[in-house]
Amino acid sequence: MENKDTKKLVKTRQGVVLRKSGDMTIVVEVSSEKRHKVYGKKIKTSKRFLVHDSNNTAVIGDAVSIKECRPYSKRKRWTLTGGKTETAVVKKTSVKKAKA
């Protein structure tokens, strides 16, 4: 039998807002670096999460923190915690023109 004092641990992540996807929904990209098991090289990984933004406060480029919650829809299982932390710089990919 479980004690009533035990609480489920809630996953939290920090990421950058990539886009607003409809009303009260944002897309947040969470990046991390890991080491390859054999070669030891650093590998950058990123994952995108659909996040519930109840007040529509997040703006594209904001660094935000999110936490796991009950499912709001098929893919939306995260919610915005405490709003934005700071404004992050979103890297834009530059297209280099080939010299003729």
N, C-alpha and C. Protein backbone atom coordinates (compact mmCIF):
# COMPACT_ATOMS: atom_id res chain seq x y z
N MET A 1 0.84 -1.18 0.00
CA MET A 1 0.00 0.00 0.00
C MET A 1 0.89 1.24 0.00
N GLU A 2 0.53 2.24 -0.81
CA GLU A 2 1.33 3.45 -0.92
C GLU A 2 0.99 4.44 0.17
N ASN A 3 2.00 5.21 0.54
CA ASN A 3 1.76 6.31 1.47
C ASN A 3 1.17 7.49 0.71
N LYS A 4 0.39 8.30 1.38
CA LYS A 4 -0.18 9.48 0.74
C LYS A 4 0.87 10.58 0.58
N ASP A 5 1.99 10.47 1.31
CA ASP A 5 3.03 11.50 1.26
C ASP A 5 3.90 11.40 0.00
N THR A 6 3.93 10.25 -0.64
CA THR A 6 4.78 10.10 -1.83
C THR A 6 4.15 10.83 -3.01
N LYS A 7 4.99 11.60 -3.73
CA LYS A 7 4.52 12.34 -4.90
C LYS A 7 5.28 11.88 -6.11
N LYS A 8 4.63 11.95 -7.26
CA LYS A 8 5.26 11.58 -8.51
C LYS A 8 6.23 12.69 -8.91
N LEU A 9 7.43 12.30 -9.36
CA LEU A 9 8.39 13.28 -9.83
C LEU A 9 7.94 13.82 -11.19
N VAL A 10 8.03 15.13 -11.35
CA VAL A 10 7.59 15.78 -12.57
C VAL A 10 8.81 16.15 -13.40
N LYS A 11 8.79 15.77 -14.69
CA LYS A 11 9.90 16.09 -15.58
C LYS A 11 9.84 17.57 -15.96
N THR A 12 10.99 18.23 -15.94
CA THR A 12 11.07 19.62 -16.38
C THR A 12 12.18 19.75 -17.40
N ARG A 13 12.00 20.67 -18.34
CA ARG A 13 12.99 20.91 -19.40
C ARG A 13 13.08 22.42 -19.65
N GLN A 14 14.21 22.85 -20.23
CA GLN A 14 14.39 24.23 -20.67
C GLN A 14 14.63 24.22 -22.16
N GLY A 15 14.01 25.15 -22.87
CA GLY A 15 14.17 25.20 -24.32
C GLY A 15 13.84 26.56 -24.88
N VAL A 16 13.77 26.62 -26.21
CA VAL A 16 13.52 27.87 -26.92
C VAL A 16 12.23 27.72 -27.73
N VAL A 17 11.40 28.76 -27.71
CA VAL A 17 10.14 28.76 -28.46
C VAL A 17 10.46 28.92 -29.95
N LEU A 18 10.04 27.95 -30.76
CA LEU A 18 10.28 27.99 -32.20
C LEU A 18 9.13 28.65 -32.95
N ARG A 19 7.89 28.32 -32.57
CA ARG A 19 6.75 28.89 -33.27
C ARG A 19 5.50 28.77 -32.42
N LYS A 20 4.51 29.57 -32.77
CA LYS A 20 3.20 29.47 -32.15
C LYS A 20 2.33 28.63 -33.07
N SER A 21 1.70 27.63 -32.53
CA SER A 21 0.94 26.69 -33.33
C SER A 21 -0.51 26.71 -32.86
N GLY A 22 -1.27 27.66 -33.35
CA GLY A 22 -2.67 27.75 -32.96
C GLY A 22 -2.83 28.50 -31.65
N ASP A 23 -4.04 28.49 -31.12
CA ASP A 23 -4.34 29.20 -29.89
C ASP A 23 -3.89 28.38 -28.69
N MET A 24 -3.16 29.00 -27.77
CA MET A 24 -2.67 28.39 -26.53
C MET A 24 -1.72 27.21 -26.75
N THR A 25 -1.03 27.18 -27.87
CA THR A 25 -0.07 26.12 -28.15
C THR A 25 1.20 26.72 -28.73
N ILE A 26 2.35 26.28 -28.21
CA ILE A 26 3.64 26.70 -28.76
C ILE A 26 4.50 25.46 -28.99
N VAL A 27 5.49 25.60 -29.86
CA VAL A 27 6.44 24.51 -30.11
C VAL A 27 7.77 24.93 -29.49
N VAL A 28 8.28 24.09 -28.58
CA VAL A 28 9.53 24.38 -27.87
C VAL A 28 10.55 23.33 -28.26
N GLU A 29 11.77 23.79 -28.60
CA GLU A 29 12.85 22.87 -28.93
C GLU A 29 13.82 22.81 -27.75
N VAL A 30 14.07 21.59 -27.28
CA VAL A 30 15.00 21.36 -26.18
C VAL A 30 16.25 20.71 -26.75
N SER A 31 17.41 21.34 -26.55
CA SER A 31 18.67 20.85 -27.09
C SER A 31 19.55 20.31 -25.97
N SER A 32 20.35 19.30 -26.29
CA SER A 32 21.31 18.77 -25.32
C SER A 32 22.50 18.16 -26.07
N GLU A 33 23.59 18.01 -25.35
CA GLU A 33 24.79 17.39 -25.92
C GLU A 33 25.07 16.10 -25.18
N LYS A 34 25.38 15.07 -25.93
CA LYS A 34 25.72 13.77 -25.35
C LYS A 34 27.02 13.30 -25.96
N ARG A 35 27.67 12.39 -25.31
CA ARG A 35 28.90 11.80 -25.83
C ARG A 35 28.59 10.45 -26.46
N HIS A 36 29.26 10.16 -27.58
CA HIS A 36 29.12 8.87 -28.23
C HIS A 36 29.73 7.81 -27.33
N LYS A 37 29.08 6.66 -27.23
CA LYS A 37 29.53 5.62 -26.30
C LYS A 37 30.91 5.07 -26.63
N VAL A 38 31.20 4.89 -27.92
CA VAL A 38 32.47 4.28 -28.32
C VAL A 38 33.54 5.34 -28.61
N TYR A 39 33.19 6.34 -29.42
CA TYR A 39 34.18 7.28 -29.92
C TYR A 39 34.36 8.51 -29.04
N GLY A 40 33.41 8.80 -28.17
CA GLY A 40 33.54 9.91 -27.26
C GLY A 40 33.27 11.27 -27.86
N LYS A 41 32.87 11.34 -29.11
CA LYS A 41 32.60 12.61 -29.77
C LYS A 41 31.28 13.19 -29.24
N LYS A 42 31.24 14.53 -29.09
CA LYS A 42 30.01 15.18 -28.66
C LYS A 42 28.99 15.17 -29.80
N ILE A 43 27.77 14.81 -29.46
CA ILE A 43 26.69 14.75 -30.43
C ILE A 43 25.57 15.66 -29.93
N LYS A 44 25.14 16.61 -30.77
CA LYS A 44 24.05 17.50 -30.41
C LYS A 44 22.73 16.83 -30.78
N THR A 45 21.82 16.81 -29.83
CA THR A 45 20.49 16.27 -30.08
C THR A 45 19.46 17.33 -29.71
N SER A 46 18.33 17.30 -30.40
CA SER A 46 17.26 18.22 -30.08
C SER A 46 15.93 17.52 -30.25
N LYS A 47 14.96 17.96 -29.46
CA LYS A 47 13.62 17.38 -29.52
C LYS A 47 12.62 18.51 -29.40
N ARG A 48 11.54 18.40 -30.16
CA ARG A 48 10.50 19.43 -30.15
C ARG A 48 9.29 18.93 -29.36
N PHE A 49 8.75 19.80 -28.54
CA PHE A 49 7.58 19.48 -27.73
C PHE A 49 6.46 20.47 -28.02
N LEU A 50 5.22 19.98 -28.09
CA LEU A 50 4.06 20.85 -28.13
C LEU A 50 3.71 21.19 -26.69
N VAL A 51 3.60 22.49 -26.39
CA VAL A 51 3.44 22.95 -25.02
C VAL A 51 2.17 23.79 -24.91
N HIS A 52 1.43 23.60 -23.82
CA HIS A 52 0.22 24.37 -23.56
C HIS A 52 0.61 25.70 -22.91
N ASP A 53 0.25 26.82 -23.56
CA ASP A 53 0.51 28.16 -23.05
C ASP A 53 -0.84 28.82 -22.80
N SER A 54 -1.36 28.71 -21.58
CA SER A 54 -2.73 29.12 -21.30
C SER A 54 -2.96 30.62 -21.45
N ASN A 55 -1.91 31.45 -21.24
CA ASN A 55 -2.09 32.90 -21.32
C ASN A 55 -1.58 33.50 -22.62
N ASN A 56 -1.06 32.69 -23.51
CA ASN A 56 -0.47 33.16 -24.78
C ASN A 56 0.61 34.22 -24.54
N THR A 57 1.49 33.98 -23.56
CA THR A 57 2.52 34.96 -23.21
C THR A 57 3.84 34.73 -23.94
N ALA A 58 4.10 33.53 -24.37
CA ALA A 58 5.39 33.21 -24.99
C ALA A 58 5.48 33.80 -26.39
N VAL A 59 6.70 34.27 -26.71
CA VAL A 59 6.98 34.86 -28.02
C VAL A 59 8.09 34.04 -28.66
N ILE A 60 8.12 34.00 -29.98
CA ILE A 60 9.15 33.24 -30.69
C ILE A 60 10.52 33.75 -30.28
N GLY A 61 11.41 32.83 -29.91
CA GLY A 61 12.76 33.18 -29.50
C GLY A 61 12.96 33.23 -27.99
N ASP A 62 11.89 33.13 -27.20
CA ASP A 62 12.01 33.16 -25.74
C ASP A 62 12.58 31.85 -25.22
N ALA A 63 13.44 31.95 -24.20
CA ALA A 63 13.90 30.77 -23.49
C ALA A 63 12.91 30.50 -22.37
N VAL A 64 12.29 29.31 -22.38
CA VAL A 64 11.24 29.00 -21.42
C VAL A 64 11.54 27.69 -20.71
N SER A 65 10.86 27.48 -19.58
CA SER A 65 10.93 26.20 -18.90
C SER A 65 9.55 25.56 -18.97
N ILE A 66 9.54 24.24 -19.17
CA ILE A 66 8.28 23.50 -19.32
C ILE A 66 8.27 22.33 -18.37
N LYS A 67 7.07 21.84 -18.03
CA LYS A 67 6.96 20.65 -17.18
C LYS A 67 5.91 19.71 -17.75
N GLU A 68 6.07 18.46 -17.43
CA GLU A 68 5.15 17.43 -17.90
C GLU A 68 3.84 17.53 -17.13
N CYS A 69 2.72 17.27 -17.82
CA CYS A 69 1.41 17.35 -17.19
C CYS A 69 0.47 16.34 -17.84
N ARG A 70 -0.79 16.47 -17.52
CA ARG A 70 -1.80 15.57 -18.11
C ARG A 70 -1.93 15.87 -19.60
N PRO A 71 -2.37 14.92 -20.39
CA PRO A 71 -2.51 15.17 -21.83
C PRO A 71 -3.62 16.18 -22.13
N TYR A 72 -3.26 17.21 -22.91
CA TYR A 72 -4.25 18.19 -23.39
C TYR A 72 -4.81 17.76 -24.74
N SER A 73 -3.99 17.08 -25.53
CA SER A 73 -4.43 16.58 -26.83
C SER A 73 -3.56 15.38 -27.18
N LYS A 74 -3.59 14.97 -28.44
CA LYS A 74 -2.85 13.77 -28.86
C LYS A 74 -1.35 13.90 -28.63
N ARG A 75 -0.76 15.07 -28.95
CA ARG A 75 0.69 15.26 -28.82
C ARG A 75 1.09 16.28 -27.75
N LYS A 76 0.14 16.97 -27.17
CA LYS A 76 0.44 18.05 -26.22
C LYS A 76 0.33 17.54 -24.79
N ARG A 77 1.52 17.30 -24.16
CA ARG A 77 1.58 16.76 -22.81
C ARG A 77 2.49 17.57 -21.90
N TRP A 78 2.79 18.80 -22.29
CA TRP A 78 3.68 19.68 -21.52
C TRP A 78 2.99 21.01 -21.33
N THR A 79 3.32 21.71 -20.23
CA THR A 79 2.74 23.02 -19.97
C THR A 79 3.85 24.00 -19.60
N LEU A 80 3.62 25.26 -19.88
CA LEU A 80 4.58 26.32 -19.61
C LEU A 80 4.59 26.61 -18.11
N THR A 81 5.79 26.72 -17.51
CA THR A 81 5.88 27.00 -16.08
C THR A 81 6.47 28.38 -15.87
N GLY A 82 5.73 29.24 -15.26
CA GLY A 82 6.24 30.55 -14.88
C GLY A 82 6.60 31.48 -16.02
N GLY A 83 6.22 31.17 -17.23
CA GLY A 83 6.50 32.05 -18.35
C GLY A 83 7.92 31.98 -18.81
N LYS A 84 8.36 33.05 -19.47
CA LYS A 84 9.68 33.05 -20.08
C LYS A 84 10.76 33.41 -19.06
N THR A 85 11.94 32.84 -19.25
CA THR A 85 13.05 33.12 -18.36
C THR A 85 13.90 34.26 -18.90
N GLU A 86 14.19 34.25 -20.16
CA GLU A 86 14.97 35.30 -20.82
C GLU A 86 14.81 35.15 -22.32
N THR A 87 15.23 36.15 -23.06
CA THR A 87 15.13 36.08 -24.51
C THR A 87 16.38 35.43 -25.06
N ALA A 88 16.21 34.41 -25.86
CA ALA A 88 17.34 33.69 -26.45
C ALA A 88 17.52 34.12 -27.89
N VAL A 89 18.69 33.90 -28.40
CA VAL A 89 18.98 34.22 -29.79
C VAL A 89 18.71 32.98 -30.62
N VAL A 90 17.82 33.10 -31.59
CA VAL A 90 17.49 31.98 -32.46
C VAL A 90 18.44 32.03 -33.65
N LYS A 91 19.16 30.94 -33.86
CA LYS A 91 20.11 30.88 -34.97
C LYS A 91 19.38 30.65 -36.27
N LYS A 92 19.67 31.49 -37.24
CA LYS A 92 19.08 31.32 -38.57
C LYS A 92 20.13 30.70 -39.47
N THR A 93 19.74 29.72 -40.23
CA THR A 93 20.68 29.08 -41.14
C THR A 93 20.90 29.99 -42.34
N SER A 94 22.14 30.23 -42.64
CA SER A 94 22.45 31.08 -43.78
C SER A 94 22.78 30.22 -44.98
N VAL A 95 22.30 30.63 -46.11
CA VAL A 95 22.52 29.91 -47.35
C VAL A 95 23.68 30.57 -48.08
N LYS A 96 24.74 29.81 -48.31
CA LYS A 96 25.89 30.36 -49.02
C LYS A 96 25.72 30.17 -50.52
N LYS A 97 25.98 31.23 -51.24
CA LYS A 97 25.88 31.17 -52.69
C LYS A 97 27.18 30.63 -53.27
N ALA A 98 27.06 29.76 -54.22
CA ALA A 98 28.23 29.18 -54.87
C ALA A 98 28.84 30.19 -55.82
N LYS A 99 30.17 30.28 -55.79
CA LYS A 99 30.85 31.20 -56.70
C LYS A 99 30.94 30.58 -58.08
N ALA A 100 30.58 31.36 -59.08
CA ALA A 100 30.59 30.84 -60.46
C ALA A 100 31.88 31.16 -61.17
